[in-house]
């Protein structure tokens, strides 16, 4: 009878181990599924991090391009003797200088004073006119502090004739 008990015990162990094998297979499949899901999550996170890094670098590049292309003030810029009316920056004007000029020429004369200091014009007509001048370099948004006393007085004098 002993061999039968041993046989039965062996069978019992076999079946119990098979059922645990089945459980183990299920556990393995569950673990593999979890690992795969975690790997997908990691991949998505890494992809998002890379996308964020790329977007950040693109913004940085755009910022650098904008800064490179931005007009940089150069207070020392002065186009001495340039333009049709260079005397407006060199000496006080009088009636003989302005009395015969059209309103368009007076406007150009007055704005040449600013243009010689690199003023960036806001109006289309002056912007177009001065951008065609080889000596003009648009570098300053405000040149009032750069004007000499003579230039300031001449601007006011020209305005009185415009």
C-alpha atoms as a PDB file:
ATOM      1  CA  UNK A   1       0.000   0.000   0.000  1.00  0.00           C
ATOM      2  CA  UNK A   2       2.888   2.218   0.538  1.00  0.00           C
ATOM      3  CA  UNK A   3       3.714   2.458  -3.113  1.00  0.00           C
ATOM      4  CA  UNK A   4       0.179   3.558  -3.801  1.00  0.00           C
ATOM      5  CA  UNK A   5       0.433   6.310  -1.227  1.00  0.00           C
ATOM      6  CA  UNK A   6       3.668   7.430  -2.711  1.00  0.00           C
ATOM      7  CA  UNK A   7       2.144   7.267  -6.120  1.00  0.00           C
ATOM      8  CA  UNK A   8      -0.884   9.216  -5.009  1.00  0.00           C
ATOM      9  CA  UNK A   9       1.297  11.734  -3.227  1.00  0.00           C
ATOM     10  CA  UNK A  10       3.373  12.125  -6.400  1.00  0.00           C
ATOM     11  CA  UNK A  11       0.252  12.643  -8.434  1.00  0.00           C
ATOM     12  CA  UNK A  12      -1.017  15.168  -5.940  1.00  0.00           C
ATOM     13  CA  UNK A  13       2.269  17.047  -6.062  1.00  0.00           C
ATOM     14  CA  UNK A  14       2.235  16.937  -9.848  1.00  0.00           C
ATOM     15  CA  UNK A  15      -1.275  18.320 -10.126  1.00  0.00           C
ATOM     16  CA  UNK A  16      -0.671  20.942  -7.487  1.00  0.00           C
ATOM     17  CA  UNK A  17       2.512  22.001  -9.229  1.00  0.00           C
ATOM     18  CA  UNK A  18       0.653  22.133 -12.537  1.00  0.00           C
ATOM     19  CA  UNK A  19      -1.974  24.362 -11.082  1.00  0.00           C
ATOM     20  CA  UNK A  20       0.771  26.539  -9.640  1.00  0.00           C
ATOM     21  CA  UNK A  21       2.399  26.442 -13.098  1.00  0.00           C
ATOM     22  CA  UNK A  22      -0.813  27.726 -14.512  1.00  0.00           C
ATOM     23  CA  UNK A  23      -0.875  30.433 -11.851  1.00  0.00           C
ATOM     24  CA  UNK A  24       2.762  31.183 -12.559  1.00  0.00           C
ATOM     25  CA  UNK A  25       2.018  31.509 -16.273  1.00  0.00           C
ATOM     26  CA  UNK A  26      -0.758  33.966 -15.477  1.00  0.00           C
ATOM     27  CA  UNK A  27       1.548  35.896 -13.146  1.00  0.00           C
ATOM     28  CA  UNK A  28       4.260  35.942 -15.798  1.00  0.00           C
ATOM     29  CA  UNK A  29       1.794  37.253 -18.363  1.00  0.00           C
ATOM     30  CA  UNK A  30       0.532  39.893 -15.931  1.00  0.00           C
ATOM     31  CA  UNK A  31       4.093  40.961 -15.086  1.00  0.00           C
ATOM     32  CA  UNK A  32       5.058  41.054 -18.748  1.00  0.00           C
ATOM     33  CA  UNK A  33       1.980  43.199 -19.499  1.00  0.00           C
ATOM     34  CA  UNK A  34       2.881  45.555 -16.654  1.00  0.00           C
ATOM     35  CA  UNK A  35       6.470  45.778 -17.869  1.00  0.00           C
ATOM     36  CA  UNK A  36       5.287  46.501 -21.413  1.00  0.00           C
ATOM     37  CA  UNK A  37       2.878  49.177 -20.158  1.00  0.00           C
ATOM     38  CA  UNK A  38       5.590  50.763 -18.032  1.00  0.00           C
ATOM     39  CA  UNK A  39       7.968  50.706 -21.001  1.00  0.00           C
ATOM     40  CA  UNK A  40       5.313  52.415 -23.145  1.00  0.00           C
ATOM     41  CA  UNK A  41       4.769  55.007 -20.402  1.00  0.00           C
ATOM     42  CA  UNK A  42       8.514  55.613 -20.173  1.00  0.00           C
ATOM     43  CA  UNK A  43       8.749  55.938 -23.957  1.00  0.00           C
ATOM     44  CA  UNK A  44       5.859  58.433 -23.973  1.00  0.00           C
ATOM     45  CA  UNK A  45       7.494  60.419 -21.162  1.00  0.00           C
ATOM     46  CA  UNK A  46      10.839  60.411 -22.960  1.00  0.00           C
ATOM     47  CA  UNK A  47       9.185  61.457 -26.206  1.00  0.00           C
ATOM     48  CA  UNK A  48       7.372  64.288 -24.417  1.00  0.00           C
ATOM     49  CA  UNK A  49      10.603  65.377 -22.723  1.00  0.00           C
ATOM     50  CA  UNK A  50      12.358  65.391 -26.091  1.00  0.00           C
ATOM     51  CA  UNK A  51       9.502  67.345 -27.659  1.00  0.00           C
ATOM     52  CA  UNK A  52       9.653  69.847 -24.799  1.00  0.00           C
ATOM     53  CA  UNK A  53      13.430  70.157 -25.176  1.00  0.00           C
ATOM     54  CA  UNK A  54      13.095  70.662 -28.927  1.00  0.00           C
ATOM     55  CA  UNK A  55      10.402  73.313 -28.433  1.00  0.00           C
ATOM     56  CA  UNK A  56      12.588  75.053 -25.856  1.00  0.00           C
ATOM     57  CA  UNK A  57      15.602  75.016 -28.189  1.00  0.00           C
ATOM     58  CA  UNK A  58      13.466  76.294 -31.068  1.00  0.00           C
ATOM     59  CA  UNK A  59      12.276  79.188 -28.881  1.00  0.00           C
ATOM     60  CA  UNK A  60      15.867  79.906 -27.883  1.00  0.00           C
ATOM     61  CA  UNK A  61      16.953  79.892 -31.546  1.00  0.00           C
ATOM     62  CA  UNK A  62      14.089  82.215 -32.478  1.00  0.00           C
ATOM     63  CA  UNK A  63      14.995  84.536 -29.632  1.00  0.00           C
ATOM     64  CA  UNK A  64      18.638  84.591 -30.723  1.00  0.00           C
ATOM     65  CA  UNK A  65      17.615  85.248 -34.332  1.00  0.00           C
ATOM     66  CA  UNK A  66      15.352  88.092 -33.225  1.00  0.00           C
ATOM     67  CA  UNK A  67      18.089  89.552 -31.050  1.00  0.00           C
ATOM     68  CA  UNK A  68      20.590  89.220 -33.890  1.00  0.00           C
ATOM     69  CA  UNK A  69      18.234  90.931 -36.329  1.00  0.00           C
ATOM     70  CA  UNK A  70      17.086  93.567 -33.858  1.00  0.00           C
ATOM     71  CA  UNK A  71      18.184  97.098 -34.456  1.00  0.00           C
ATOM     72  CA  UNK A  72      20.854  97.940 -31.945  1.00  0.00           C
ATOM     73  CA  UNK A  73      21.128 101.545 -30.811  1.00  0.00           C
ATOM     74  CA  UNK A  74      24.412 103.118 -31.710  1.00  0.00           C
ATOM     75  CA  UNK A  75      24.563 106.524 -30.130  1.00  0.00           C
ATOM     76  CA  UNK A  76      27.885 107.253 -31.799  1.00  0.00           C
ATOM     77  CA  UNK A  77      26.437 106.847 -35.298  1.00  0.00           C
ATOM     78  CA  UNK A  78      26.457 110.123 -37.195  1.00  0.00           C
ATOM     79  CA  UNK A  79      26.463 110.514 -40.976  1.00  0.00           C
ATOM     80  CA  UNK A  80      28.370 113.807 -41.086  1.00  0.00           C
ATOM     81  CA  UNK A  81      27.915 115.755 -44.296  1.00  0.00           C
ATOM     82  CA  UNK A  82      25.383 113.276 -45.690  1.00  0.00           C
ATOM     83  CA  UNK A  83      22.167 114.080 -47.474  1.00  0.00           C
ATOM     84  CA  UNK A  84      20.864 116.878 -49.662  1.00  0.00           C
ATOM     85  CA  UNK A  85      20.967 119.433 -46.845  1.00  0.00           C
ATOM     86  CA  UNK A  86      24.051 118.689 -44.683  1.00  0.00           C
ATOM     87  CA  UNK A  87      24.239 122.349 -43.583  1.00  0.00           C
ATOM     88  CA  UNK A  88      21.203 121.743 -41.339  1.00  0.00           C
ATOM     89  CA  UNK A  89      23.502 119.824 -38.970  1.00  0.00           C
ATOM     90  CA  UNK A  90      26.517 122.129 -39.368  1.00  0.00           C
ATOM     91  CA  UNK A  91      25.309 125.729 -38.922  1.00  0.00           C
ATOM     92  CA  UNK A  92      22.238 127.724 -38.069  1.00  0.00           C
ATOM     93  CA  UNK A  93      19.942 128.052 -41.054  1.00  0.00           C
ATOM     94  CA  UNK A  94      18.498 131.315 -42.335  1.00  0.00           C
ATOM     95  CA  UNK A  95      15.786 132.398 -44.728  1.00  0.00           C
ATOM     96  CA  UNK A  96      18.072 132.022 -47.749  1.00  0.00           C
ATOM     97  CA  UNK A  97      18.464 128.326 -46.866  1.00  0.00           C
ATOM     98  CA  UNK A  98      14.768 127.533 -46.490  1.00  0.00           C
ATOM     99  CA  UNK A  99      12.703 130.290 -48.102  1.00  0.00           C
ATOM    100  CA  UNK A 100      12.752 128.804 -51.599  1.00  0.00           C
ATOM    101  CA  UNK A 101      12.115 125.147 -50.601  1.00  0.00           C
ATOM    102  CA  UNK A 102       8.842 123.268 -51.115  1.00  0.00           C
ATOM    103  CA  UNK A 103       7.073 121.778 -48.101  1.00  0.00           C
ATOM    104  CA  UNK A 104       8.321 118.326 -49.194  1.00  0.00           C
ATOM    105  CA  UNK A 105      11.936 119.565 -49.333  1.00  0.00           C
ATOM    106  CA  UNK A 106      11.526 121.253 -45.945  1.00  0.00           C
ATOM    107  CA  UNK A 107      10.254 117.973 -44.504  1.00  0.00           C
ATOM    108  CA  UNK A 108      13.232 116.134 -45.983  1.00  0.00           C
ATOM    109  CA  UNK A 109      15.650 118.783 -44.701  1.00  0.00           C
ATOM    110  CA  UNK A 110      14.216 118.557 -41.175  1.00  0.00           C
ATOM    111  CA  UNK A 111      14.160 114.762 -41.166  1.00  0.00           C
ATOM    112  CA  UNK A 112      17.695 114.525 -42.562  1.00  0.00           C
ATOM    113  CA  UNK A 113      18.848 115.957 -39.243  1.00  0.00           C
ATOM    114  CA  UNK A 114      17.309 112.947 -37.506  1.00  0.00           C
ATOM    115  CA  UNK A 115      18.389 110.519 -40.233  1.00  0.00           C
ATOM    116  CA  UNK A 116      22.041 111.530 -39.885  1.00  0.00           C
ATOM    117  CA  UNK A 117      21.809 110.216 -36.301  1.00  0.00           C
ATOM    118  CA  UNK A 118      20.232 106.957 -37.479  1.00  0.00           C
ATOM    119  CA  UNK A 119      16.660 107.674 -36.474  1.00  0.00           C
ATOM    120  CA  UNK A 120      14.252 104.838 -37.318  1.00  0.00           C
ATOM    121  CA  UNK A 121      11.350 106.549 -39.055  1.00  0.00           C
ATOM    122  CA  UNK A 122       7.779 105.594 -38.164  1.00  0.00           C
ATOM    123  CA  UNK A 123       6.067 107.175 -41.177  1.00  0.00           C
ATOM    124  CA  UNK A 124       6.067 105.305 -44.463  1.00  0.00           C
ATOM    125  CA  UNK A 125       7.060 108.246 -46.643  1.00  0.00           C
ATOM    126  CA  UNK A 126      10.178 109.134 -44.632  1.00  0.00           C
ATOM    127  CA  UNK A 127      11.051 105.495 -44.039  1.00  0.00           C
ATOM    128  CA  UNK A 128      10.883 104.802 -47.782  1.00  0.00           C
ATOM    129  CA  UNK A 129      12.784 107.959 -48.683  1.00  0.00           C
ATOM    130  CA  UNK A 130      15.667 107.456 -46.276  1.00  0.00           C
ATOM    131  CA  UNK A 131      15.944 103.709 -46.803  1.00  0.00           C
ATOM    132  CA  UNK A 132      16.943 104.543 -50.392  1.00  0.00           C
ATOM    133  CA  UNK A 133      19.821 106.733 -49.183  1.00  0.00           C
ATOM    134  CA  UNK A 134      23.168 104.907 -49.141  1.00  0.00           C
ATOM    135  CA  UNK A 135      24.391 106.813 -46.086  1.00  0.00           C
ATOM    136  CA  UNK A 136      21.308 106.175 -43.945  1.00  0.00           C
ATOM    137  CA  UNK A 137      21.603 103.581 -41.206  1.00  0.00           C
ATOM    138  CA  UNK A 138      18.470 103.060 -39.059  1.00  0.00           C
ATOM    139  CA  UNK A 139      19.857 102.350 -35.602  1.00  0.00           C
ATOM    140  CA  UNK A 140      18.048 104.542 -33.041  1.00  0.00           C
ATOM    141  CA  UNK A 141      14.429 104.818 -31.962  1.00  0.00           C
ATOM    142  CA  UNK A 142      15.016 108.157 -30.255  1.00  0.00           C
ATOM    143  CA  UNK A 143      17.702 110.645 -31.254  1.00  0.00           C
ATOM    144  CA  UNK A 144      16.489 113.740 -29.418  1.00  0.00           C
ATOM    145  CA  UNK A 145      19.300 113.425 -26.892  1.00  0.00           C
ATOM    146  CA  UNK A 146      21.837 113.154 -29.697  1.00  0.00           C
ATOM    147  CA  UNK A 147      20.945 116.386 -31.476  1.00  0.00           C
ATOM    148  CA  UNK A 148      23.301 119.312 -31.139  1.00  0.00           C
ATOM    149  CA  UNK A 149      21.996 122.731 -30.131  1.00  0.00           C
ATOM    150  CA  UNK A 150      22.319 123.862 -33.768  1.00  0.00           C
ATOM    151  CA  UNK A 151      20.302 120.857 -34.990  1.00  0.00           C
ATOM    152  CA  UNK A 152      17.570 121.406 -32.399  1.00  0.00           C
ATOM    153  CA  UNK A 153      17.250 125.056 -33.344  1.00  0.00           C
ATOM    154  CA  UNK A 154      17.229 124.199 -37.045  1.00  0.00           C
ATOM    155  CA  UNK A 155      14.477 121.597 -36.573  1.00  0.00           C
ATOM    156  CA  UNK A 156      12.303 124.267 -34.940  1.00  0.00           C
ATOM    157  CA  UNK A 157      13.231 126.853 -37.582  1.00  0.00           C
ATOM    158  CA  UNK A 158      12.370 124.479 -40.461  1.00  0.00           C
ATOM    159  CA  UNK A 159       9.066 123.575 -38.792  1.00  0.00           C
ATOM    160  CA  UNK A 160       8.087 127.227 -38.784  1.00  0.00           C
ATOM    161  CA  UNK A 161       8.330 127.228 -42.608  1.00  0.00           C
ATOM    162  CA  UNK A 162       6.715 123.857 -43.274  1.00  0.00           C
END
